[in-house]
Amino acid sequence: MFKQHTQADMQQTFKKPNFEIHSTHAAQGCRPTKPANGQGKGLACEVAVSKEVTPSFIDLRRIVRLAQLLEHLGLSRSTVYLRLNPKSKYHDPKFPKPIRLGAKAVGWLMADICAYIEYLQEGKASV
């Protein structure tokens, strides 16, 4: 009823990769290379790293949601809400205030987030 596969059949089946990375799909600055084991195609990436970590263009009028706020500030969700809560011992009055977008949706202005980051940088520099 079922075909019995031998060890040789299994090796032949899994010998070739079922996908390849083509240069058209590779990231900018990557070039196709031959990997050390001689099978398939690889990529060698030479990515230029700039000293400036902020993007060259940030739309300060943009409203970002919680996920992007967490990404920009490097905080957890609970820490954000602790910093917003005036009854919390972790309350920060300078923390960006959320903007109500709907019945259950809030967002934060990118300008407020950038101002808060600058405020934190000034505080660290003076310490």
PDB file of N, CA and C in Angstrom:
ATOM      1  N   MET A   1       0.813  -1.176   0.000  1.00  0.00           N
ATOM      2  CA  MET A   1       0.000   0.000   0.000  1.00  0.00           C
ATOM      3  C   MET A   1       0.871   1.261   0.000  1.00  0.00           C
ATOM      4  N   PHE A   2       1.820   1.404   0.973  1.00  0.00           N
ATOM      5  CA  PHE A   2       2.719   2.539   1.010  1.00  0.00           C
ATOM      6  C   PHE A   2       4.082   2.105   0.498  1.00  0.00           C
ATOM      7  N   LYS A   3       4.745   3.004  -0.248  1.00  0.00           N
ATOM      8  CA  LYS A   3       6.069   2.697  -0.775  1.00  0.00           C
ATOM      9  C   LYS A   3       7.110   2.867   0.324  1.00  0.00           C
ATOM     10  N   GLN A   4       7.962   1.886   0.472  1.00  0.00           N
ATOM     11  CA  GLN A   4       9.044   1.957   1.440  1.00  0.00           C
ATOM     12  C   GLN A   4      10.195   2.761   0.841  1.00  0.00           C
ATOM     13  N   HIS A   5      10.636   3.790   1.551  1.00  0.00           N
ATOM     14  CA  HIS A   5      11.745   4.619   1.083  1.00  0.00           C
ATOM     15  C   HIS A   5      13.036   4.111   1.692  1.00  0.00           C
ATOM     16  N   THR A   6      14.047   4.015   0.873  1.00  0.00           N
ATOM     17  CA  THR A   6      15.362   3.610   1.365  1.00  0.00           C
ATOM     18  C   THR A   6      16.133   4.845   1.799  1.00  0.00           C
ATOM     19  N   GLN A   7      17.255   4.600   2.466  1.00  0.00           N
ATOM     20  CA  GLN A   7      18.103   5.700   2.915  1.00  0.00           C
ATOM     21  C   GLN A   7      18.615   6.500   1.725  1.00  0.00           C
ATOM     22  N   ALA A   8      18.945   5.834   0.618  1.00  0.00           N
ATOM     23  CA  ALA A   8      19.443   6.510  -0.587  1.00  0.00           C
ATOM     24  C   ALA A   8      18.363   7.411  -1.184  1.00  0.00           C
ATOM     25  N   ASP A   9      17.102   6.944  -1.167  1.00  0.00           N
ATOM     26  CA  ASP A   9      15.997   7.769  -1.670  1.00  0.00           C
ATOM     27  C   ASP A   9      15.855   9.038  -0.835  1.00  0.00           C
ATOM     28  N   MET A  10      15.951   8.890   0.472  1.00  0.00           N
ATOM     29  CA  MET A  10      15.804  10.034   1.358  1.00  0.00           C
ATOM     30  C   MET A  10      16.935  11.047   1.148  1.00  0.00           C
ATOM     31  N   GLN A  11      18.167  10.557   0.982  1.00  0.00           N
ATOM     32  CA  GLN A  11      19.291  11.461   0.772  1.00  0.00           C
ATOM     33  C   GLN A  11      19.156  12.191  -0.551  1.00  0.00           C
ATOM     34  N   GLN A  12      18.716  11.489  -1.594  1.00  0.00           N
ATOM     35  CA  GLN A  12      18.532  12.109  -2.898  1.00  0.00           C
ATOM     36  C   GLN A  12      17.440  13.177  -2.833  1.00  0.00           C
ATOM     37  N   THR A  13      16.368  12.916  -2.079  1.00  0.00           N
ATOM     38  CA  THR A  13      15.254  13.858  -1.971  1.00  0.00           C
ATOM     39  C   THR A  13      15.674  15.139  -1.269  1.00  0.00           C
ATOM     40  N   PHE A  14      16.452  15.020  -0.200  1.00  0.00           N
ATOM     41  CA  PHE A  14      16.805  16.184   0.594  1.00  0.00           C
ATOM     42  C   PHE A  14      18.160  16.784   0.226  1.00  0.00           C
ATOM     43  N   LYS A  15      18.791  16.277  -0.841  1.00  0.00           N
ATOM     44  CA  LYS A  15      20.096  16.773  -1.229  1.00  0.00           C
ATOM     45  C   LYS A  15      20.015  18.188  -1.793  1.00  0.00           C
ATOM     46  N   LYS A  16      19.018  18.443  -2.624  1.00  0.00           N
ATOM     47  CA  LYS A  16      18.893  19.738  -3.267  1.00  0.00           C
ATOM     48  C   LYS A  16      17.964  20.627  -2.458  1.00  0.00           C
ATOM     49  N   PRO A  17      18.339  21.889  -2.280  1.00  0.00           N
ATOM     50  CA  PRO A  17      17.424  22.797  -1.581  1.00  0.00           C
ATOM     51  C   PRO A  17      16.206  23.083  -2.453  1.00  0.00           C
ATOM     52  N   ASN A  18      15.085  23.307  -1.817  1.00  0.00           N
ATOM     53  CA  ASN A  18      13.869  23.568  -2.569  1.00  0.00           C
ATOM     54  C   ASN A  18      13.650  25.061  -2.804  1.00  0.00           C
ATOM     55  N   PHE A  19      14.635  25.880  -2.491  1.00  0.00           N
ATOM     56  CA  PHE A  19      14.525  27.316  -2.750  1.00  0.00           C
ATOM     57  C   PHE A  19      15.909  27.880  -3.022  1.00  0.00           C
ATOM     58  N   GLU A  20      15.941  29.003  -3.701  1.00  0.00           N
ATOM     59  CA  GLU A  20      17.176  29.719  -3.953  1.00  0.00           C
ATOM     60  C   GLU A  20      16.923  31.194  -3.736  1.00  0.00           C
ATOM     61  N   ILE A  21      17.933  31.913  -3.345  1.00  0.00           N
ATOM     62  CA  ILE A  21      17.828  33.355  -3.215  1.00  0.00           C
ATOM     63  C   ILE A  21      18.435  33.955  -4.468  1.00  0.00           C
ATOM     64  N   HIS A  22      17.614  34.629  -5.211  1.00  0.00           N
ATOM     65  CA  HIS A  22      18.087  35.255  -6.436  1.00  0.00           C
ATOM     66  C   HIS A  22      18.553  36.666  -6.141  1.00  0.00           C
ATOM     67  N   SER A  23      19.454  37.151  -6.946  1.00  0.00           N
ATOM     68  CA  SER A  23      20.000  38.478  -6.701  1.00  0.00           C
ATOM     69  C   SER A  23      18.940  39.562  -6.796  1.00  0.00           C
ATOM     70  N   THR A  24      17.861  39.314  -7.546  1.00  0.00           N
ATOM     71  CA  THR A  24      16.811  40.326  -7.648  1.00  0.00           C
ATOM     72  C   THR A  24      16.027  40.448  -6.352  1.00  0.00           C
ATOM     73  N   HIS A  25      16.036  39.398  -5.514  1.00  0.00           N
ATOM     74  CA  HIS A  25      15.310  39.420  -4.255  1.00  0.00           C
ATOM     75  C   HIS A  25      16.214  39.750  -3.067  1.00  0.00           C
ATOM     76  N   ALA A  26      17.493  39.891  -3.313  1.00  0.00           N
ATOM     77  CA  ALA A  26      18.430  40.142  -2.227  1.00  0.00           C
ATOM     78  C   ALA A  26      18.389  41.604  -1.819  1.00  0.00           C
ATOM     79  N   ALA A  27      18.849  41.848  -0.625  1.00  0.00           N
ATOM     80  CA  ALA A  27      18.903  43.218  -0.126  1.00  0.00           C
ATOM     81  C   ALA A  27      19.936  44.013  -0.903  1.00  0.00           C
ATOM     82  N   GLN A  28      19.767  45.311  -0.935  1.00  0.00           N
ATOM     83  CA  GLN A  28      20.700  46.169  -1.631  1.00  0.00           C
ATOM     84  C   GLN A  28      22.066  46.065  -0.971  1.00  0.00           C
ATOM     85  N   GLY A  29      23.110  45.912  -1.775  1.00  0.00           N
ATOM     86  CA  GLY A  29      24.454  45.780  -1.242  1.00  0.00           C
ATOM     87  C   GLY A  29      24.895  44.335  -1.106  1.00  0.00           C
ATOM     88  N   CYS A  30      24.009  43.364  -1.414  1.00  0.00           N
ATOM     89  CA  CYS A  30      24.353  41.952  -1.325  1.00  0.00           C
ATOM     90  C   CYS A  30      24.652  41.418  -2.712  1.00  0.00           C
ATOM     91  N   ARG A  31      25.622  40.523  -2.801  1.00  0.00           N
ATOM     92  CA  ARG A  31      25.948  39.916  -4.088  1.00  0.00           C
ATOM     93  C   ARG A  31      25.941  38.406  -3.936  1.00  0.00           C
ATOM     94  N   PRO A  32      25.523  37.664  -4.994  1.00  0.00           N
ATOM     95  CA  PRO A  32      25.489  36.203  -4.895  1.00  0.00           C
ATOM     96  C   PRO A  32      26.898  35.629  -4.779  1.00  0.00           C
ATOM     97  N   THR A  33      27.047  34.606  -3.964  1.00  0.00           N
ATOM     98  CA  THR A  33      28.325  33.931  -3.810  1.00  0.00           C
ATOM     99  C   THR A  33      28.095  32.431  -3.755  1.00  0.00           C
ATOM    100  N   LYS A  34      29.157  31.687  -3.778  1.00  0.00           N
ATOM    101  CA  LYS A  34      29.102  30.242  -3.636  1.00  0.00           C
ATOM    102  C   LYS A  34      29.419  29.919  -2.185  1.00  0.00           C
ATOM    103  N   PRO A  35      28.519  29.231  -1.446  1.00  0.00           N
ATOM    104  CA  PRO A  35      28.810  28.903  -0.054  1.00  0.00           C
ATOM    105  C   PRO A  35      29.968  27.924   0.083  1.00  0.00           C
ATOM    106  N   ALA A  36      30.480  27.781   1.275  1.00  0.00           N
ATOM    107  CA  ALA A  36      31.644  26.943   1.548  1.00  0.00           C
ATOM    108  C   ALA A  36      31.392  25.481   1.225  1.00  0.00           C
ATOM    109  N   ASN A  37      30.163  24.995   1.437  1.00  0.00           N
ATOM    110  CA  ASN A  37      29.892  23.585   1.200  1.00  0.00           C
ATOM    111  C   ASN A  37      29.656  23.275  -0.277  1.00  0.00           C
ATOM    112  N   GLY A  38      29.588  24.307  -1.142  1.00  0.00           N
ATOM    113  CA  GLY A  38      29.464  24.092  -2.576  1.00  0.00           C
ATOM    114  C   GLY A  38      28.042  23.871  -3.056  1.00  0.00           C
ATOM    115  N   GLN A  39      27.051  23.871  -2.197  1.00  0.00           N
ATOM    116  CA  GLN A  39      25.677  23.646  -2.611  1.00  0.00           C
ATOM    117  C   GLN A  39      24.898  24.945  -2.572  1.00  0.00           C
ATOM    118  N   GLY A  40      24.019  25.109  -3.530  1.00  0.00           N
ATOM    119  CA  GLY A  40      23.101  26.246  -3.523  1.00  0.00           C
ATOM    120  C   GLY A  40      23.800  27.567  -3.740  1.00  0.00           C
ATOM    121  N   LYS A  41      23.077  28.633  -3.484  1.00  0.00           N
ATOM    122  CA  LYS A  41      23.610  29.978  -3.627  1.00  0.00           C
ATOM    123  C   LYS A  41      23.563  30.668  -2.282  1.00  0.00           C
ATOM    124  N   GLY A  42      24.498  31.525  -2.037  1.00  0.00           N
ATOM    125  CA  GLY A  42      24.508  32.289  -0.805  1.00  0.00           C
ATOM    126  C   GLY A  42      24.569  33.769  -1.108  1.00  0.00           C
ATOM    127  N   LEU A  43      24.636  34.579  -0.094  1.00  0.00           N
ATOM    128  CA  LEU A  43      24.751  36.016  -0.260  1.00  0.00           C
ATOM    129  C   LEU A  43      25.857  36.535   0.631  1.00  0.00           C
ATOM    130  N   ALA A  44      26.657  37.413   0.059  1.00  0.00           N
ATOM    131  CA  ALA A  44      27.641  38.121   0.873  1.00  0.00           C
ATOM    132  C   ALA A  44      27.161  39.554   0.935  1.00  0.00           C
ATOM    133  N   CYS A  45      26.909  40.028   2.111  1.00  0.00           N
ATOM    134  CA  CYS A  45      26.361  41.370   2.273  1.00  0.00           C
ATOM    135  C   CYS A  45      27.434  42.316   2.762  1.00  0.00           C
ATOM    136  N   GLU A  46      27.493  43.431   2.110  1.00  0.00           N
ATOM    137  CA  GLU A  46      28.340  44.513   2.568  1.00  0.00           C
ATOM    138  C   GLU A  46      27.407  45.685   2.805  1.00  0.00           C
ATOM    139  N   VAL A  47      26.946  45.823   4.019  1.00  0.00           N
ATOM    140  CA  VAL A  47      25.990  46.867   4.347  1.00  0.00           C
ATOM    141  C   VAL A  47      26.738  48.012   5.001  1.00  0.00           C
ATOM    142  N   ALA A  48      26.570  49.182   4.430  1.00  0.00           N
ATOM    143  CA  ALA A  48      27.213  50.365   5.005  1.00  0.00           C
ATOM    144  C   ALA A  48      26.441  50.801   6.243  1.00  0.00           C
ATOM    145  N   VAL A  49      27.147  50.955   7.345  1.00  0.00           N
ATOM    146  CA  VAL A  49      26.520  51.361   8.592  1.00  0.00           C
ATOM    147  C   VAL A  49      26.908  52.802   8.859  1.00  0.00           C
ATOM    148  N   SER A  50      25.908  53.650   9.014  1.00  0.00           N
ATOM    149  CA  SER A  50      26.207  55.043   9.302  1.00  0.00           C
ATOM    150  C   SER A  50      26.192  55.254  10.807  1.00  0.00           C
ATOM    151  N   LYS A  51      26.860  56.293  11.248  1.00  0.00           N
ATOM    152  CA  LYS A  51      26.901  56.601  12.673  1.00  0.00           C
ATOM    153  C   LYS A  51      25.586  57.175  13.153  1.00  0.00           C
ATOM    154  N   GLU A  52      24.809  57.745  12.235  1.00  0.00           N
ATOM    155  CA  GLU A  52      23.531  58.345  12.598  1.00  0.00           C
ATOM    156  C   GLU A  52      22.480  57.243  12.683  1.00  0.00           C
ATOM    157  N   VAL A  53      21.849  57.102  13.825  1.00  0.00           N
ATOM    158  CA  VAL A  53      20.878  56.034  14.013  1.00  0.00           C
ATOM    159  C   VAL A  53      19.455  56.469  13.689  1.00  0.00           C
ATOM    160  N   THR A  54      19.210  57.756  13.642  1.00  0.00           N
ATOM    161  CA  THR A  54      17.867  58.218  13.310  1.00  0.00           C
ATOM    162  C   THR A  54      17.700  58.236  11.801  1.00  0.00           C
ATOM    163  N   PRO A  55      16.517  57.913  11.293  1.00  0.00           N
ATOM    164  CA  PRO A  55      16.295  57.958   9.862  1.00  0.00           C
ATOM    165  C   PRO A  55      16.456  59.391   9.342  1.00  0.00           C
ATOM    166  N   SER A  56      16.772  59.509   8.071  1.00  0.00           N
ATOM    167  CA  SER A  56      16.991  60.826   7.511  1.00  0.00           C
ATOM    168  C   SER A  56      15.696  61.617   7.408  1.00  0.00           C
ATOM    169  N   PHE A  57      14.559  60.939   7.344  1.00  0.00           N
ATOM    170  CA  PHE A  57      13.289  61.633   7.225  1.00  0.00           C
ATOM    171  C   PHE A  57      12.289  61.021   8.195  1.00  0.00           C
ATOM    172  N   ILE A  58      11.789  61.833   9.101  1.00  0.00           N
ATOM    173  CA  ILE A  58      10.738  61.396  10.011  1.00  0.00           C
ATOM    174  C   ILE A  58       9.608  62.406   9.884  1.00  0.00           C
ATOM    175  N   ASP A  59       8.434  61.921   9.592  1.00  0.00           N
ATOM    176  CA  ASP A  59       7.277  62.791   9.511  1.00  0.00           C
ATOM    177  C   ASP A  59       6.784  63.050  10.929  1.00  0.00           C
ATOM    178  N   LEU A  60       7.034  64.255  11.440  1.00  0.00           N
ATOM    179  CA  LEU A  60       6.699  64.576  12.819  1.00  0.00           C
ATOM    180  C   LEU A  60       5.203  64.722  13.042  1.00  0.00           C
ATOM    181  N   ARG A  61       4.441  64.850  11.975  1.00  0.00           N
ATOM    182  CA  ARG A  61       2.989  64.961  12.104  1.00  0.00           C
ATOM    183  C   ARG A  61       2.313  63.593  12.128  1.00  0.00           C
ATOM    184  N   ARG A  62       3.080  62.544  11.952  1.00  0.00           N
ATOM    185  CA  ARG A  62       2.537  61.196  11.883  1.00  0.00           C
ATOM    186  C   ARG A  62       2.089  60.714  13.264  1.00  0.00           C
ATOM    187  N   ILE A  63       0.983  60.000  13.278  1.00  0.00           N
ATOM    188  CA  ILE A  63       0.502  59.380  14.514  1.00  0.00           C
ATOM    189  C   ILE A  63       0.905  57.913  14.478  1.00  0.00           C
ATOM    190  N   VAL A  64       1.600  57.464  15.510  1.00  0.00           N
ATOM    191  CA  VAL A  64       2.033  56.072  15.575  1.00  0.00           C
ATOM    192  C   VAL A  64       1.230  55.346  16.640  1.00  0.00           C
ATOM    193  N   ARG A  65       1.062  54.072  16.436  1.00  0.00           N
ATOM    194  CA  ARG A  65       0.323  53.259  17.388  1.00  0.00           C
ATOM    195  C   ARG A  65       1.282  52.704  18.428  1.00  0.00           C
ATOM    196  N   LEU A  66       0.756  51.927  19.354  1.00  0.00           N
ATOM    197  CA  LEU A  66       1.533  51.442  20.493  1.00  0.00           C
ATOM    198  C   LEU A  66       2.749  50.621  20.068  1.00  0.00           C
ATOM    199  N   ALA A  67       2.597  49.777  19.060  1.00  0.00           N
ATOM    200  CA  ALA A  67       3.717  48.922  18.630  1.00  0.00           C
ATOM    201  C   ALA A  67       4.907  49.755  18.175  1.00  0.00           C
ATOM    202  N   GLN A  68       4.644  50.814  17.399  1.00  0.00           N
ATOM    203  CA  GLN A  68       5.743  51.663  16.942  1.00  0.00           C
ATOM    204  C   GLN A  68       6.323  52.481  18.102  1.00  0.00           C
ATOM    205  N   LEU A  69       5.481  52.907  19.035  1.00  0.00           N
ATOM    206  CA  LEU A  69       5.968  53.626  20.209  1.00  0.00           C
ATOM    207  C   LEU A  69       6.938  52.749  21.001  1.00  0.00           C
ATOM    208  N   LEU A  70       6.557  51.495  21.207  1.00  0.00           N
ATOM    209  CA  LEU A  70       7.421  50.561  21.937  1.00  0.00           C
ATOM    210  C   LEU A  70       8.741  50.368  21.210  1.00  0.00           C
ATOM    211  N   GLU A  71       8.669  50.320  19.884  1.00  0.00           N
ATOM    212  CA  GLU A  71       9.867  50.127  19.076  1.00  0.00           C
ATOM    213  C   GLU A  71      10.800  51.336  19.179  1.00  0.00           C
ATOM    214  N   HIS A  72      10.240  52.545  19.119  1.00  0.00           N
ATOM    215  CA  HIS A  72      11.051  53.758  19.170  1.00  0.00           C
ATOM    216  C   HIS A  72      11.682  53.969  20.541  1.00  0.00           C
ATOM    217  N   LEU A  73      10.934  53.700  21.586  1.00  0.00           N
ATOM    218  CA  LEU A  73      11.428  53.976  22.933  1.00  0.00           C
ATOM    219  C   LEU A  73      12.129  52.787  23.574  1.00  0.00           C
ATOM    220  N   GLY A  74      11.896  51.589  23.064  1.00  0.00           N
ATOM    221  CA  GLY A  74      12.524  50.410  23.648  1.00  0.00           C
ATOM    222  C   GLY A  74      11.948  50.053  25.005  1.00  0.00           C
ATOM    223  N   LEU A  75      10.673  50.347  25.193  1.00  0.00           N
ATOM    224  CA  LEU A  75      10.001  50.049  26.454  1.00  0.00           C
ATOM    225  C   LEU A  75       8.982  48.945  26.255  1.00  0.00           C
ATOM    226  N   SER A  76       8.532  48.366  27.357  1.00  0.00           N
ATOM    227  CA  SER A  76       7.460  47.384  27.283  1.00  0.00           C
ATOM    228  C   SER A  76       6.116  48.101  27.373  1.00  0.00           C
ATOM    229  N   ARG A  77       5.073  47.392  27.026  1.00  0.00           N
ATOM    230  CA  ARG A  77       3.726  47.955  27.053  1.00  0.00           C
ATOM    231  C   ARG A  77       3.341  48.388  28.471  1.00  0.00           C
ATOM    232  N   SER A  78       3.655  47.548  29.445  1.00  0.00           N
ATOM    233  CA  SER A  78       3.292  47.871  30.823  1.00  0.00           C
ATOM    234  C   SER A  78       4.054  49.099  31.324  1.00  0.00           C
ATOM    235  N   THR A  79       5.308  49.269  30.898  1.00  0.00           N
ATOM    236  CA  THR A  79       6.086  50.436  31.306  1.00  0.00           C
ATOM    237  C   THR A  79       5.486  51.716  30.741  1.00  0.00           C
ATOM    238  N   VAL A  80       5.002  51.660  29.509  1.00  0.00           N
ATOM    239  CA  VAL A  80       4.371  52.833  28.900  1.00  0.00           C
ATOM    240  C   VAL A  80       3.172  53.259  29.733  1.00  0.00           C
ATOM    241  N   TYR A  81       2.315  52.315  30.080  1.00  0.00           N
ATOM    242  CA  TYR A  81       1.124  52.663  30.837  1.00  0.00           C
ATOM    243  C   TYR A  81       1.444  53.051  32.282  1.00  0.00           C
ATOM    244  N   LEU A  82       2.542  52.526  32.841  1.00  0.00           N
ATOM    245  CA  LEU A  82       2.968  52.970  34.167  1.00  0.00           C
ATOM    246  C   LEU A  82       3.473  54.410  34.128  1.00  0.00           C
ATOM    247  N   ARG A  83       4.151  54.770  33.066  1.00  0.00           N
ATOM    248  CA  ARG A  83       4.651  56.150  32.947  1.00  0.00           C
ATOM    249  C   ARG A  83       3.528  57.142  32.692  1.00  0.00           C
ATOM    250  N   LEU A  84       2.419  56.679  32.118  1.00  0.00           N
ATOM    251  CA  LEU A  84       1.274  57.555  31.863  1.00  0.00           C
ATOM    252  C   LEU A  84       0.373  57.712  33.087  1.00  0.00           C
ATOM    253  N   ASN A  85       0.392  56.747  33.989  1.00  0.00           N
ATOM    254  CA  ASN A  85      -0.507  56.736  35.146  1.00  0.00           C
ATOM    255  C   ASN A  85       0.020  57.656  36.253  1.00  0.00           C
ATOM    256  N   PRO A  86      -0.721  58.739  36.589  1.00  0.00           N
ATOM    257  CA  PRO A  86      -0.249  59.659  37.630  1.00  0.00           C
ATOM    258  C   PRO A  86      -0.164  59.028  39.022  1.00  0.00           C
ATOM    259  N   LYS A  87      -0.865  57.938  39.262  1.00  0.00           N
ATOM    260  CA  LYS A  87      -0.829  57.277  40.569  1.00  0.00           C
ATOM    261  C   LYS A  87       0.347  56.308  40.701  1.00  0.00           C
ATOM    262  N   SER A  88       1.039  56.032  39.606  1.00  0.00           N
ATOM    263  CA  SER A  88       2.155  55.095  39.623  1.00  0.00           C
ATOM    264  C   SER A  88       3.422  55.776  40.130  1.00  0.00           C
ATOM    265  N   LYS A  89       4.287  55.017  40.792  1.00  0.00           N
ATOM    266  CA  LYS A  89       5.563  55.584  41.236  1.00  0.00           C
ATOM    267  C   LYS A  89       6.520  55.781  40.055  1.00  0.00           C
ATOM    268  N   TYR A  90       6.193  55.192  38.900  1.00  0.00           N
ATOM    269  CA  TYR A  90       7.007  55.331  37.694  1.00  0.00           C
ATOM    270  C   TYR A  90       6.468  56.414  36.759  1.00  0.00           C
ATOM    271  N   HIS A  91       5.490  57.187  37.223  1.00  0.00           N
ATOM    272  CA  HIS A  91       4.877  58.229  36.402  1.00  0.00           C
ATOM    273  C   HIS A  91       5.920  59.243  35.948  1.00  0.00           C
ATOM    274  N   ASP A  92       5.855  59.595  34.675  1.00  0.00           N
ATOM    275  CA  ASP A  92       6.747  60.601  34.100  1.00  0.00           C
ATOM    276  C   ASP A  92       5.882  61.674  33.456  1.00  0.00           C
ATOM    277  N   PRO A  93       5.830  62.867  34.040  1.00  0.00           N
ATOM    278  CA  PRO A  93       4.961  63.909  33.485  1.00  0.00           C
ATOM    279  C   PRO A  93       5.384  64.372  32.094  1.00  0.00           C
ATOM    280  N   LYS A  94       6.633  64.148  31.713  1.00  0.00           N
ATOM    281  CA  LYS A  94       7.117  64.537  30.384  1.00  0.00           C
ATOM    282  C   LYS A  94       6.820  63.485  29.316  1.00  0.00           C
ATOM    283  N   PHE A  95       6.328  62.315  29.735  1.00  0.00           N
ATOM    284  CA  PHE A  95       6.064  61.232  28.783  1.00  0.00           C
ATOM    285  C   PHE A  95       4.990  61.674  27.789  1.00  0.00           C
ATOM    286  N   PRO A  96       5.127  61.314  26.503  1.00  0.00           N
ATOM    287  CA  PRO A  96       4.139  61.730  25.497  1.00  0.00           C
ATOM    288  C   PRO A  96       2.728  61.249  25.835  1.00  0.00           C
ATOM    289  N   LYS A  97       1.775  62.150  25.697  1.00  0.00           N
ATOM    290  CA  LYS A  97       0.379  61.819  25.988  1.00  0.00           C
ATOM    291  C   LYS A  97      -0.266  61.184  24.760  1.00  0.00           C
ATOM    292  N   PRO A  98      -1.087  60.170  24.976  1.00  0.00           N
ATOM    293  CA  PRO A  98      -1.767  59.538  23.835  1.00  0.00           C
ATOM    294  C   PRO A  98      -2.885  60.434  23.294  1.00  0.00           C
ATOM    295  N   ILE A  99      -3.195  60.236  22.026  1.00  0.00           N
ATOM    296  CA  ILE A  99      -4.280  60.939  21.358  1.00  0.00           C
ATOM    297  C   ILE A  99      -5.368  59.917  21.070  1.00  0.00           C
ATOM    298  N   ARG A 100      -6.597  60.240  21.418  1.00  0.00           N
ATOM    299  CA  ARG A 100      -7.708  59.328  21.181  1.00  0.00           C
ATOM    300  C   ARG A 100      -8.048  59.352  19.690  1.00  0.00           C
ATOM    301  N   LEU A 101      -8.011  58.163  19.053  1.00  0.00           N
ATOM    302  CA  LEU A 101      -8.312  58.039  17.635  1.00  0.00           C
ATOM    303  C   LEU A 101      -9.714  57.509  17.387  1.00  0.00           C
ATOM    304  N   GLY A 102     -10.255  56.841  18.358  1.00  0.00           N
ATOM    305  CA  GLY A 102     -11.590  56.262  18.245  1.00  0.00           C
ATOM    306  C   GLY A 102     -12.045  55.795  19.601  1.00  0.00           C
ATOM    307  N   ALA A 103     -13.079  54.954  19.603  1.00  0.00           N
ATOM    308  CA  ALA A 103     -13.627  54.475  20.870  1.00  0.00           C
ATOM    309  C   ALA A 103     -12.604  53.667  21.663  1.00  0.00           C
ATOM    310  N   LYS A 104     -11.801  52.854  20.971  1.00  0.00           N
ATOM    311  CA  LYS A 104     -10.825  52.007  21.661  1.00  0.00           C
ATOM    312  C   LYS A 104      -9.406  52.172  21.128  1.00  0.00           C
ATOM    313  N   ALA A 105      -9.179  53.141  20.277  1.00  0.00           N
ATOM    314  CA  ALA A 105      -7.876  53.289  19.639  1.00  0.00           C
ATOM    315  C   ALA A 105      -7.188  54.569  20.095  1.00  0.00           C
ATOM    316  N   VAL A 106      -5.890  54.457  20.392  1.00  0.00           N
ATOM    317  CA  VAL A 106      -5.085  55.622  20.737  1.00  0.00           C
ATOM    318  C   VAL A 106      -3.802  55.594  19.914  1.00  0.00           C
ATOM    319  N   GLY A 107      -3.193  56.748  19.797  1.00  0.00           N
ATOM    320  CA  GLY A 107      -1.928  56.876  19.096  1.00  0.00           C
ATOM    321  C   GLY A 107      -1.107  57.979  19.734  1.00  0.00           C
ATOM    322  N   TRP A 108       0.130  58.120  19.293  1.00  0.00           N
ATOM    323  CA  TRP A 108       1.028  59.136  19.815  1.00  0.00           C
ATOM    324  C   TRP A 108       1.615  59.903  18.647  1.00  0.00           C
ATOM    325  N   LEU A 109       1.763  61.212  18.816  1.00  0.00           N
ATOM    326  CA  LEU A 109       2.388  62.035  17.788  1.00  0.00           C
ATOM    327  C   LEU A 109       3.881  61.772  17.757  1.00  0.00           C
ATOM    328  N   MET A 110       4.420  61.626  16.557  1.00  0.00           N
ATOM    329  CA  MET A 110       5.847  61.367  16.397  1.00  0.00           C
ATOM    330  C   MET A 110       6.667  62.547  16.930  1.00  0.00           C
ATOM    331  N   ALA A 111       6.153  63.751  16.812  1.00  0.00           N
ATOM    332  CA  ALA A 111       6.860  64.932  17.328  1.00  0.00           C
ATOM    333  C   ALA A 111       7.017  64.846  18.847  1.00  0.00           C
ATOM    334  N   ASP A 112       5.972  64.382  19.539  1.00  0.00           N
ATOM    335  CA  ASP A 112       6.043  64.231  20.997  1.00  0.00           C
ATOM    336  C   ASP A 112       7.058  63.160  21.391  1.00  0.00           C
ATOM    337  N   ILE A 113       7.106  62.080  20.618  1.00  0.00           N
ATOM    338  CA  ILE A 113       8.050  60.992  20.896  1.00  0.00           C
ATOM    339  C   ILE A 113       9.486  61.488  20.716  1.00  0.00           C
ATOM    340  N   CYS A 114       9.742  62.223  19.641  1.00  0.00           N
ATOM    341  CA  CYS A 114      11.083  62.752  19.395  1.00  0.00           C
ATOM    342  C   CYS A 114      11.490  63.743  20.469  1.00  0.00           C
ATOM    343  N   ALA A 115      10.546  64.577  20.900  1.00  0.00           N
ATOM    344  CA  ALA A 115      10.837  65.543  21.967  1.00  0.00           C
ATOM    345  C   ALA A 115      11.173  64.819  23.269  1.00  0.00           C
ATOM    346  N   TYR A 116      10.469  63.733  23.561  1.00  0.00           N
ATOM    347  CA  TYR A 116      10.739  62.960  24.774  1.00  0.00           C
ATOM    348  C   TYR A 116      12.116  62.298  24.707  1.00  0.00           C
ATOM    349  N   ILE A 117      12.478  61.795  23.548  1.00  0.00           N
ATOM    350  CA  ILE A 117      13.803  61.180  23.385  1.00  0.00           C
ATOM    351  C   ILE A 117      14.896  62.231  23.599  1.00  0.00           C
ATOM    352  N   GLU A 118      14.702  63.433  23.056  1.00  0.00           N
ATOM    353  CA  GLU A 118      15.673  64.508  23.265  1.00  0.00           C
ATOM    354  C   GLU A 118      15.749  64.898  24.742  1.00  0.00           C
ATOM    355  N   TYR A 119      14.595  64.924  25.417  1.00  0.00           N
ATOM    356  CA  TYR A 119      14.561  65.214  26.843  1.00  0.00           C
ATOM    357  C   TYR A 119      15.367  64.167  27.621  1.00  0.00           C
ATOM    358  N   LEU A 120      15.225  62.909  27.259  1.00  0.00           N
ATOM    359  CA  LEU A 120      15.981  61.853  27.929  1.00  0.00           C
ATOM    360  C   LEU A 120      17.476  61.999  27.663  1.00  0.00           C
ATOM    361  N   GLN A 121      17.832  62.361  26.432  1.00  0.00           N
ATOM    362  CA  GLN A 121      19.254  62.527  26.085  1.00  0.00           C
ATOM    363  C   GLN A 121      19.861  63.687  26.870  1.00  0.00           C
ATOM    364  N   GLU A 122      19.126  64.781  27.036  1.00  0.00           N
ATOM    365  CA  GLU A 122      19.631  65.921  27.802  1.00  0.00           C
ATOM    366  C   GLU A 122      19.820  65.551  29.266  1.00  0.00           C
ATOM    367  N   GLY A 123      18.902  64.770  29.815  1.00  0.00           N
ATOM    368  CA  GLY A 123      18.995  64.333  31.201  1.00  0.00           C
ATOM    369  C   GLY A 123      20.196  63.437  31.427  1.00  0.00           C
ATOM    370  N   LYS A 124      20.491  62.562  30.470  1.00  0.00           N
ATOM    371  CA  LYS A 124      21.632  61.650  30.589  1.00  0.00           C
ATOM    372  C   LYS A 124      22.949  62.410  30.462  1.00  0.00           C
ATOM    373  N   ALA A 125      22.954  63.445  29.609  1.00  0.00           N
ATOM    374  CA  ALA A 125      24.185  64.205  29.386  1.00  0.00           C
ATOM    375  C   ALA A 125      24.574  65.022  30.619  1.00  0.00           C
ATOM    376  N   SER A 126      23.570  65.492  31.365  1.00  0.00           N
ATOM    377  CA  SER A 126      23.855  66.334  32.518  1.00  0.00           C
ATOM    378  C   SER A 126      24.234  65.530  33.755  1.00  0.00           C
ATOM    379  N   VAL A 127      24.003  64.213  33.732  1.00  0.00           N
ATOM    380  CA  VAL A 127      24.298  63.377  34.901  1.00  0.00           C
ATOM    381  C   VAL A 127      25.744  63.036  34.970  1.00  0.00           C
TER     382      VAL A 127
END
